[in-house]
Amino acid sequence: MIRKLHHGAFRCRDSEATRRFYEDFLGLPLAGALPIRQTQTGRPTDTLHTFYRLGDGSFIAFFEAPDLPFEFRHQHDFDLHLALEVDADTLRTMMARGRAEGIEVRGPSDHGFIDSAYFRDPNGYVVELCAKRAGHDEAMDPRLNGARKTLDRWTATRELVRP
C-alpha cells in the first residue's frame, strides 16, 4: 500500500535561486543536497539533487543538470503546478510578502473548498498555496461528491468529440 508522498522531483535552472525561493521565501528547509557524478546506467553527469522538507515530512526535490538538455517552459496552471497547504493567515501573509518581494503572485482564488494563491518560482513552475475552507473534507469525499459519476460523464462526452 502506498503510504504517502516521499518527494516529487523537478528540474531546476539554478540550485541557489531555487533554494532562495523554496527555503527563504516559502520556508521549506533544505534537507539534502546530493551531487551525482554518474547515472545509474553508468553515464557521467554533473548534477545536483536537492530536497526541501514539508511539514508532514515529505519533500520537494530538484535536479540541476546543466550537462543534460532540458526545455524550461512557462507553465500554465492547468499544465503543471504544485499545491501546498497552508492556513488562511499564512495564505494572506505570503501573498503580501510575494508582492513586496517582486514575485509573480495571483489570487486569492475562491475554489469553493479552498482559497488559493499562485506564485511562479525561478524555474517557471507554478506553486499554489491553498487554505482549506469549511466543508473541505466533505467536498473531497468521493462518497459524497459524485467524483466517479462526474468523471464517467466527462469521459463519455469526451469520447464523442475526440479526433
N, C-alpha and C. Protein backbone atom coordinates (compact mmCIF):
# COMPACT_ATOMS: atom_id res chain seq x y z
N MET A 1 0.84 -1.18 0.00
CA MET A 1 0.00 0.00 0.00
C MET A 1 0.89 1.25 0.00
N ILE A 2 0.54 2.21 -0.82
CA ILE A 2 1.26 3.48 -0.83
C ILE A 2 0.88 4.25 0.43
N ARG A 3 1.88 4.67 1.18
CA ARG A 3 1.64 5.35 2.45
C ARG A 3 1.51 6.85 2.31
N LYS A 4 2.43 7.48 1.58
CA LYS A 4 2.38 8.93 1.41
C LYS A 4 3.42 9.31 0.36
N LEU A 5 3.38 10.54 -0.05
CA LEU A 5 4.38 11.04 -0.97
C LEU A 5 5.70 11.22 -0.23
N HIS A 6 6.77 10.66 -0.77
CA HIS A 6 8.09 10.94 -0.21
C HIS A 6 8.63 12.22 -0.82
N HIS A 7 8.69 12.28 -2.17
CA HIS A 7 9.09 13.51 -2.83
C HIS A 7 8.59 13.54 -4.26
N GLY A 8 8.38 14.73 -4.73
CA GLY A 8 8.15 14.98 -6.14
C GLY A 8 9.38 15.71 -6.63
N ALA A 9 9.90 15.33 -7.80
CA ALA A 9 11.15 15.91 -8.28
C ALA A 9 10.96 16.63 -9.61
N PHE A 10 11.66 17.74 -9.76
CA PHE A 10 11.58 18.60 -10.93
C PHE A 10 12.99 19.03 -11.32
N ARG A 11 13.16 19.44 -12.55
CA ARG A 11 14.43 20.04 -12.97
C ARG A 11 14.45 21.49 -12.49
N CYS A 12 15.65 22.02 -12.28
CA CYS A 12 15.79 23.44 -11.97
C CYS A 12 16.93 24.03 -12.78
N ARG A 13 16.83 25.33 -12.98
CA ARG A 13 17.86 26.06 -13.74
C ARG A 13 19.08 26.34 -12.89
N ASP A 14 18.83 26.71 -11.63
CA ASP A 14 19.88 27.21 -10.75
C ASP A 14 19.52 26.78 -9.33
N SER A 15 20.34 25.93 -8.74
CA SER A 15 20.02 25.40 -7.41
C SER A 15 19.95 26.48 -6.34
N GLU A 16 20.80 27.48 -6.42
CA GLU A 16 20.78 28.54 -5.41
C GLU A 16 19.54 29.42 -5.55
N ALA A 17 19.16 29.78 -6.77
CA ALA A 17 17.93 30.57 -6.96
C ALA A 17 16.73 29.76 -6.50
N THR A 18 16.74 28.47 -6.77
CA THR A 18 15.66 27.59 -6.33
C THR A 18 15.62 27.53 -4.80
N ARG A 19 16.79 27.44 -4.16
CA ARG A 19 16.85 27.41 -2.71
C ARG A 19 16.29 28.71 -2.11
N ARG A 20 16.65 29.84 -2.71
CA ARG A 20 16.14 31.11 -2.18
C ARG A 20 14.61 31.14 -2.20
N PHE A 21 14.00 30.62 -3.27
CA PHE A 21 12.54 30.62 -3.34
C PHE A 21 11.94 29.63 -2.34
N TYR A 22 12.40 28.37 -2.36
CA TYR A 22 11.77 27.34 -1.54
C TYR A 22 12.14 27.44 -0.06
N GLU A 23 13.37 27.82 0.25
CA GLU A 23 13.76 27.91 1.65
C GLU A 23 13.53 29.31 2.21
N ASP A 24 14.08 30.32 1.56
CA ASP A 24 13.98 31.68 2.12
C ASP A 24 12.57 32.25 2.00
N PHE A 25 11.90 32.04 0.85
CA PHE A 25 10.57 32.61 0.67
C PHE A 25 9.49 31.70 1.26
N LEU A 26 9.43 30.44 0.82
CA LEU A 26 8.36 29.56 1.30
C LEU A 26 8.62 28.99 2.69
N GLY A 27 9.87 28.98 3.14
CA GLY A 27 10.18 28.47 4.48
C GLY A 27 10.37 26.97 4.55
N LEU A 28 10.63 26.32 3.42
CA LEU A 28 10.88 24.88 3.41
C LEU A 28 12.38 24.65 3.55
N PRO A 29 12.82 24.05 4.65
CA PRO A 29 14.26 23.91 4.86
C PRO A 29 14.92 22.96 3.85
N LEU A 30 16.10 23.37 3.41
CA LEU A 30 16.93 22.50 2.58
C LEU A 30 17.32 21.32 3.45
N ALA A 31 16.91 20.12 3.05
CA ALA A 31 17.13 18.93 3.87
C ALA A 31 18.24 18.03 3.33
N GLY A 32 18.54 18.16 2.06
CA GLY A 32 19.57 17.31 1.49
C GLY A 32 20.07 17.87 0.18
N ALA A 33 21.34 17.61 -0.11
CA ALA A 33 21.95 18.00 -1.38
C ALA A 33 22.91 16.89 -1.78
N LEU A 34 22.61 16.25 -2.89
CA LEU A 34 23.39 15.10 -3.32
C LEU A 34 24.02 15.35 -4.69
N PRO A 35 25.35 15.50 -4.75
CA PRO A 35 25.99 15.58 -6.06
C PRO A 35 25.92 14.21 -6.74
N ILE A 36 25.61 14.21 -8.01
CA ILE A 36 25.55 12.97 -8.78
C ILE A 36 26.57 13.09 -9.90
N ARG A 37 27.53 12.19 -9.91
CA ARG A 37 28.59 12.22 -10.92
C ARG A 37 28.42 11.15 -11.98
N GLN A 38 27.54 10.19 -11.68
CA GLN A 38 27.30 9.10 -12.62
C GLN A 38 25.86 8.64 -12.46
N THR A 39 25.17 8.45 -13.60
CA THR A 39 23.79 7.96 -13.53
C THR A 39 23.79 6.49 -13.16
N GLN A 40 22.62 5.95 -12.85
CA GLN A 40 22.51 4.53 -12.52
C GLN A 40 22.87 3.64 -13.70
N THR A 41 22.85 4.19 -14.91
CA THR A 41 23.24 3.41 -16.09
C THR A 41 24.71 3.59 -16.45
N GLY A 42 25.46 4.32 -15.60
CA GLY A 42 26.89 4.46 -15.81
C GLY A 42 27.33 5.66 -16.62
N ARG A 43 26.38 6.49 -17.04
CA ARG A 43 26.72 7.67 -17.83
C ARG A 43 27.22 8.77 -16.91
N PRO A 44 28.37 9.41 -17.26
CA PRO A 44 28.85 10.51 -16.43
C PRO A 44 27.89 11.70 -16.50
N THR A 45 27.76 12.40 -15.39
CA THR A 45 26.92 13.59 -15.33
C THR A 45 27.48 14.54 -14.29
N ASP A 46 27.03 15.76 -14.32
CA ASP A 46 27.39 16.75 -13.31
C ASP A 46 26.07 17.35 -12.84
N THR A 47 25.44 16.69 -11.86
CA THR A 47 24.09 17.01 -11.43
C THR A 47 24.06 17.20 -9.91
N LEU A 48 23.23 18.14 -9.45
CA LEU A 48 22.98 18.29 -8.03
C LEU A 48 21.50 18.02 -7.78
N HIS A 49 21.22 17.15 -6.81
CA HIS A 49 19.86 16.78 -6.43
C HIS A 49 19.61 17.37 -5.04
N THR A 50 18.62 18.28 -4.93
CA THR A 50 18.34 18.92 -3.64
C THR A 50 16.93 18.57 -3.18
N PHE A 51 16.73 18.58 -1.86
CA PHE A 51 15.46 18.22 -1.24
C PHE A 51 15.06 19.28 -0.23
N TYR A 52 13.78 19.68 -0.26
CA TYR A 52 13.21 20.65 0.67
C TYR A 52 12.09 19.98 1.43
N ARG A 53 12.16 20.05 2.78
CA ARG A 53 11.22 19.32 3.65
C ARG A 53 9.94 20.12 3.91
N LEU A 54 8.80 19.44 3.70
CA LEU A 54 7.50 20.00 4.06
C LEU A 54 7.16 19.59 5.50
N GLY A 55 6.17 20.23 6.06
CA GLY A 55 5.79 20.00 7.45
C GLY A 55 5.37 18.57 7.77
N ASP A 56 4.90 17.81 6.77
CA ASP A 56 4.48 16.44 7.02
C ASP A 56 5.62 15.44 6.85
N GLY A 57 6.83 15.93 6.58
CA GLY A 57 7.98 15.04 6.40
C GLY A 57 8.23 14.63 4.96
N SER A 58 7.38 15.04 4.04
CA SER A 58 7.63 14.76 2.62
C SER A 58 8.55 15.85 2.07
N PHE A 59 8.95 15.71 0.81
CA PHE A 59 9.93 16.62 0.23
C PHE A 59 9.52 17.05 -1.17
N ILE A 60 10.00 18.23 -1.55
CA ILE A 60 10.03 18.67 -2.94
C ILE A 60 11.49 18.62 -3.32
N ALA A 61 11.79 18.02 -4.45
CA ALA A 61 13.19 17.83 -4.85
C ALA A 61 13.44 18.43 -6.22
N PHE A 62 14.69 18.77 -6.48
CA PHE A 62 15.08 19.36 -7.76
C PHE A 62 16.39 18.75 -8.23
N PHE A 63 16.53 18.71 -9.54
CA PHE A 63 17.78 18.31 -10.18
C PHE A 63 18.29 19.48 -10.99
N GLU A 64 19.51 19.96 -10.68
CA GLU A 64 20.18 20.90 -11.57
C GLU A 64 21.19 20.07 -12.35
N ALA A 65 20.97 19.97 -13.65
CA ALA A 65 21.81 19.12 -14.51
C ALA A 65 22.20 19.92 -15.75
N PRO A 66 23.16 20.84 -15.61
CA PRO A 66 23.49 21.70 -16.74
C PRO A 66 24.04 20.94 -17.95
N ASP A 67 24.53 19.73 -17.74
CA ASP A 67 25.08 18.95 -18.85
C ASP A 67 24.02 18.15 -19.60
N LEU A 68 22.78 18.19 -19.14
CA LEU A 68 21.70 17.43 -19.78
C LEU A 68 20.66 18.40 -20.33
N PRO A 69 20.40 18.39 -21.62
CA PRO A 69 19.44 19.34 -22.20
C PRO A 69 18.05 19.20 -21.57
N PHE A 70 17.42 20.34 -21.36
CA PHE A 70 16.05 20.37 -20.82
C PHE A 70 15.42 21.68 -21.22
N GLU A 71 14.19 21.63 -21.69
CA GLU A 71 13.49 22.84 -22.09
C GLU A 71 12.58 23.31 -20.95
N PHE A 72 12.94 24.42 -20.35
CA PHE A 72 12.08 25.03 -19.34
C PHE A 72 11.03 25.85 -20.07
N ARG A 73 9.78 25.58 -19.78
CA ARG A 73 8.69 26.30 -20.43
C ARG A 73 7.88 27.04 -19.39
N HIS A 74 7.33 28.16 -19.80
CA HIS A 74 6.42 28.92 -18.95
C HIS A 74 5.14 28.09 -18.84
N GLN A 75 4.87 27.54 -17.68
CA GLN A 75 3.75 26.63 -17.50
C GLN A 75 2.46 27.39 -17.17
N HIS A 76 1.37 26.93 -17.76
CA HIS A 76 0.04 27.38 -17.37
C HIS A 76 -0.36 26.55 -16.15
N ASP A 77 -1.16 27.12 -15.28
CA ASP A 77 -1.59 26.40 -14.07
C ASP A 77 -2.16 25.02 -14.40
N PHE A 78 -2.89 24.91 -15.50
CA PHE A 78 -3.51 23.64 -15.85
C PHE A 78 -2.49 22.62 -16.34
N ASP A 79 -1.34 23.09 -16.83
CA ASP A 79 -0.33 22.18 -17.34
C ASP A 79 0.43 21.48 -16.22
N LEU A 80 0.87 22.27 -15.27
CA LEU A 80 1.70 21.72 -14.20
C LEU A 80 1.73 22.73 -13.07
N HIS A 81 1.38 22.30 -11.87
CA HIS A 81 1.60 23.14 -10.70
C HIS A 81 1.65 22.26 -9.47
N LEU A 82 2.22 22.80 -8.42
CA LEU A 82 2.38 22.11 -7.16
C LEU A 82 1.56 22.87 -6.13
N ALA A 83 0.62 22.21 -5.46
CA ALA A 83 -0.23 22.86 -4.47
C ALA A 83 0.19 22.43 -3.06
N LEU A 84 0.46 23.41 -2.22
CA LEU A 84 0.91 23.18 -0.85
C LEU A 84 -0.10 23.80 0.11
N GLU A 85 -0.46 23.06 1.16
CA GLU A 85 -1.47 23.52 2.10
C GLU A 85 -0.88 24.44 3.16
N VAL A 86 -1.58 25.55 3.41
CA VAL A 86 -1.25 26.49 4.48
C VAL A 86 -2.56 26.87 5.17
N ASP A 87 -2.46 27.64 6.26
CA ASP A 87 -3.69 28.16 6.86
C ASP A 87 -4.04 29.51 6.22
N ALA A 88 -5.23 30.01 6.50
CA ALA A 88 -5.72 31.23 5.84
C ALA A 88 -4.85 32.44 6.14
N ASP A 89 -4.35 32.57 7.38
CA ASP A 89 -3.49 33.70 7.71
C ASP A 89 -2.18 33.64 6.94
N THR A 90 -1.60 32.45 6.85
CA THR A 90 -0.36 32.29 6.10
C THR A 90 -0.57 32.60 4.63
N LEU A 91 -1.71 32.21 4.09
CA LEU A 91 -2.01 32.50 2.69
C LEU A 91 -1.97 34.01 2.45
N ARG A 92 -2.66 34.77 3.28
CA ARG A 92 -2.68 36.23 3.13
C ARG A 92 -1.28 36.83 3.31
N THR A 93 -0.56 36.35 4.30
CA THR A 93 0.78 36.85 4.57
C THR A 93 1.72 36.58 3.40
N MET A 94 1.66 35.38 2.84
CA MET A 94 2.56 35.01 1.75
C MET A 94 2.23 35.79 0.48
N MET A 95 0.95 36.07 0.24
CA MET A 95 0.59 36.88 -0.92
C MET A 95 1.20 38.28 -0.79
N ALA A 96 1.06 38.89 0.37
CA ALA A 96 1.61 40.23 0.59
C ALA A 96 3.13 40.19 0.48
N ARG A 97 3.74 39.19 1.07
CA ARG A 97 5.20 39.08 1.04
C ARG A 97 5.70 38.87 -0.39
N GLY A 98 5.03 37.99 -1.14
CA GLY A 98 5.42 37.76 -2.52
C GLY A 98 5.37 39.02 -3.35
N ARG A 99 4.29 39.77 -3.21
CA ARG A 99 4.15 41.03 -3.95
C ARG A 99 5.25 42.01 -3.55
N ALA A 100 5.54 42.09 -2.25
CA ALA A 100 6.57 43.01 -1.77
C ALA A 100 7.95 42.62 -2.28
N GLU A 101 8.18 41.32 -2.50
CA GLU A 101 9.48 40.85 -2.97
C GLU A 101 9.56 40.75 -4.48
N GLY A 102 8.51 41.17 -5.19
CA GLY A 102 8.54 41.17 -6.64
C GLY A 102 8.35 39.81 -7.28
N ILE A 103 7.77 38.87 -6.53
CA ILE A 103 7.47 37.54 -7.06
C ILE A 103 6.10 37.59 -7.74
N GLU A 104 5.97 36.93 -8.87
CA GLU A 104 4.66 36.88 -9.55
C GLU A 104 3.66 36.21 -8.62
N VAL A 105 2.57 36.92 -8.32
CA VAL A 105 1.53 36.42 -7.42
C VAL A 105 0.18 36.62 -8.08
N ARG A 106 -0.66 35.59 -8.03
CA ARG A 106 -2.05 35.72 -8.48
C ARG A 106 -2.95 35.17 -7.39
N GLY A 107 -4.09 35.81 -7.22
CA GLY A 107 -5.05 35.34 -6.24
C GLY A 107 -5.40 36.46 -5.28
N PRO A 108 -6.22 36.16 -4.30
CA PRO A 108 -6.69 34.82 -3.97
C PRO A 108 -7.79 34.35 -4.91
N SER A 109 -7.85 33.04 -5.10
CA SER A 109 -8.88 32.41 -5.91
C SER A 109 -9.76 31.57 -5.00
N ASP A 110 -11.06 31.75 -5.11
CA ASP A 110 -12.04 31.00 -4.33
C ASP A 110 -12.46 29.78 -5.14
N HIS A 111 -12.04 28.60 -4.68
CA HIS A 111 -12.39 27.36 -5.37
C HIS A 111 -13.52 26.62 -4.65
N GLY A 112 -14.19 27.32 -3.73
CA GLY A 112 -15.31 26.72 -3.00
C GLY A 112 -14.85 25.96 -1.78
N PHE A 113 -13.96 25.02 -1.93
CA PHE A 113 -13.49 24.20 -0.81
C PHE A 113 -12.10 24.63 -0.33
N ILE A 114 -11.39 25.44 -1.14
CA ILE A 114 -10.11 26.02 -0.75
C ILE A 114 -10.00 27.43 -1.34
N ASP A 115 -9.19 28.25 -0.70
CA ASP A 115 -8.76 29.53 -1.26
C ASP A 115 -7.31 29.36 -1.64
N SER A 116 -6.92 29.91 -2.80
CA SER A 116 -5.57 29.68 -3.31
C SER A 116 -4.91 30.96 -3.77
N ALA A 117 -3.58 30.95 -3.69
CA ALA A 117 -2.74 31.98 -4.29
C ALA A 117 -1.68 31.25 -5.09
N TYR A 118 -1.28 31.86 -6.20
CA TYR A 118 -0.35 31.23 -7.12
C TYR A 118 0.90 32.08 -7.26
N PHE A 119 2.05 31.43 -7.19
CA PHE A 119 3.35 32.08 -7.29
C PHE A 119 4.14 31.37 -8.38
N ARG A 120 5.04 32.10 -9.03
CA ARG A 120 5.90 31.47 -10.04
C ARG A 120 7.31 31.39 -9.46
N ASP A 121 7.88 30.18 -9.46
CA ASP A 121 9.24 30.01 -8.93
C ASP A 121 10.28 30.38 -9.99
N PRO A 122 11.57 30.38 -9.64
CA PRO A 122 12.59 30.81 -10.60
C PRO A 122 12.75 29.90 -11.82
N ASN A 123 12.14 28.73 -11.78
CA ASN A 123 12.22 27.78 -12.89
C ASN A 123 11.02 27.88 -13.82
N GLY A 124 10.06 28.73 -13.46
CA GLY A 124 8.85 28.89 -14.26
C GLY A 124 7.69 28.03 -13.78
N TYR A 125 7.90 27.21 -12.74
CA TYR A 125 6.83 26.37 -12.22
C TYR A 125 5.86 27.21 -11.40
N VAL A 126 4.61 26.82 -11.41
CA VAL A 126 3.60 27.49 -10.59
C VAL A 126 3.47 26.73 -9.27
N VAL A 127 3.57 27.48 -8.17
CA VAL A 127 3.38 26.92 -6.84
C VAL A 127 2.11 27.55 -6.28
N GLU A 128 1.17 26.71 -5.92
CA GLU A 128 -0.10 27.16 -5.34
C GLU A 128 -0.04 26.95 -3.84
N LEU A 129 -0.36 27.98 -3.10
CA LEU A 129 -0.58 27.83 -1.66
C LEU A 129 -2.08 27.84 -1.48
N CYS A 130 -2.60 26.85 -0.75
CA CYS A 130 -4.05 26.77 -0.59
C CYS A 130 -4.42 26.57 0.88
N ALA A 131 -5.51 27.21 1.26
CA ALA A 131 -6.04 27.11 2.62
C ALA A 131 -7.43 26.47 2.55
N LYS A 132 -7.61 25.43 3.34
CA LYS A 132 -8.91 24.75 3.37
C LYS A 132 -9.98 25.69 3.89
N ARG A 133 -11.19 25.55 3.32
CA ARG A 133 -12.36 26.27 3.79
C ARG A 133 -13.25 25.28 4.53
N ALA A 134 -14.23 25.82 5.26
CA ALA A 134 -15.22 24.96 5.91
C ALA A 134 -15.87 24.09 4.84
N GLY A 135 -16.06 22.83 5.12
CA GLY A 135 -16.65 21.90 4.17
C GLY A 135 -15.65 21.24 3.25
N HIS A 136 -14.36 21.52 3.43
CA HIS A 136 -13.32 20.94 2.56
C HIS A 136 -13.39 19.42 2.52
N ASP A 137 -13.39 18.79 3.71
CA ASP A 137 -13.31 17.33 3.75
C ASP A 137 -14.53 16.68 3.09
N GLU A 138 -15.70 17.27 3.27
CA GLU A 138 -16.89 16.75 2.62
C GLU A 138 -16.80 16.92 1.11
N ALA A 139 -16.28 18.07 0.67
CA ALA A 139 -16.15 18.33 -0.76
C ALA A 139 -15.18 17.37 -1.43
N MET A 140 -14.22 16.84 -0.68
CA MET A 140 -13.23 15.93 -1.23
C MET A 140 -13.52 14.46 -0.87
N ASP A 141 -14.70 14.18 -0.39
CA ASP A 141 -15.09 12.81 -0.04
C ASP A 141 -15.86 12.20 -1.22
N PRO A 142 -15.28 11.22 -1.91
CA PRO A 142 -15.93 10.66 -3.09
C PRO A 142 -17.26 9.98 -2.79
N ARG A 143 -17.52 9.64 -1.53
CA ARG A 143 -18.82 9.06 -1.19
C ARG A 143 -19.92 10.11 -1.21
N LEU A 144 -19.51 11.40 -1.11
CA LEU A 144 -20.48 12.49 -1.05
C LEU A 144 -20.48 13.39 -2.29
N ASN A 145 -19.37 13.44 -3.02
CA ASN A 145 -19.24 14.46 -4.06
C ASN A 145 -19.51 13.97 -5.49
N GLY A 146 -19.74 12.68 -5.67
CA GLY A 146 -20.05 12.17 -7.00
C GLY A 146 -18.89 12.21 -7.98
N ALA A 147 -17.65 12.14 -7.47
CA ALA A 147 -16.47 12.26 -8.33
C ALA A 147 -16.47 11.23 -9.45
N ARG A 148 -16.79 9.99 -9.14
CA ARG A 148 -16.75 8.95 -10.16
C ARG A 148 -17.81 9.19 -11.24
N LYS A 149 -19.01 9.59 -10.86
CA LYS A 149 -20.05 9.88 -11.84
C LYS A 149 -19.65 11.05 -12.73
N THR A 150 -19.04 12.08 -12.13
CA THR A 150 -18.59 13.23 -12.90
C THR A 150 -17.53 12.81 -13.91
N LEU A 151 -16.57 12.01 -13.48
CA LEU A 151 -15.54 11.51 -14.39
C LEU A 151 -16.15 10.66 -15.50
N ASP A 152 -17.07 9.80 -15.16
CA ASP A 152 -17.71 8.95 -16.17
C ASP A 152 -18.45 9.79 -17.21
N ARG A 153 -19.19 10.82 -16.75
CA ARG A 153 -19.90 11.71 -17.69
C ARG A 153 -18.90 12.43 -18.59
N TRP A 154 -17.82 12.94 -18.00
CA TRP A 154 -16.77 13.63 -18.76
C TRP A 154 -16.20 12.70 -19.83
N THR A 155 -15.85 11.49 -19.42
CA THR A 155 -15.24 10.53 -20.34
C THR A 155 -16.18 10.21 -21.49
N ALA A 156 -17.46 10.00 -21.19
CA ALA A 156 -18.42 9.69 -22.24
C ALA A 156 -18.56 10.86 -23.22
N THR A 157 -18.60 12.06 -22.70
CA THR A 157 -18.72 13.25 -23.54
C THR A 157 -17.46 13.46 -24.37
N ARG A 158 -16.31 13.30 -23.76
CA ARG A 158 -15.03 13.50 -24.46
C ARG A 158 -14.86 12.47 -25.58
N GLU A 159 -15.31 11.27 -25.38
CA GLU A 159 -15.20 10.24 -26.42
C GLU A 159 -15.96 10.65 -27.66
N LEU A 160 -17.03 11.41 -27.51
CA LEU A 160 -17.84 11.84 -28.65
C LEU A 160 -17.15 12.92 -29.48
N VAL A 161 -16.28 13.70 -28.86
CA VAL A 161 -15.68 14.83 -29.56
C VAL A 161 -14.18 14.67 -29.84
N ARG A 162 -13.58 13.59 -29.36
CA ARG A 162 -12.15 13.37 -29.62
C ARG A 162 -11.91 13.11 -31.10
N PRO A 163 -10.82 13.69 -31.63
CA PRO A 163 -10.50 13.43 -33.05
C PRO A 163 -10.07 11.99 -33.29
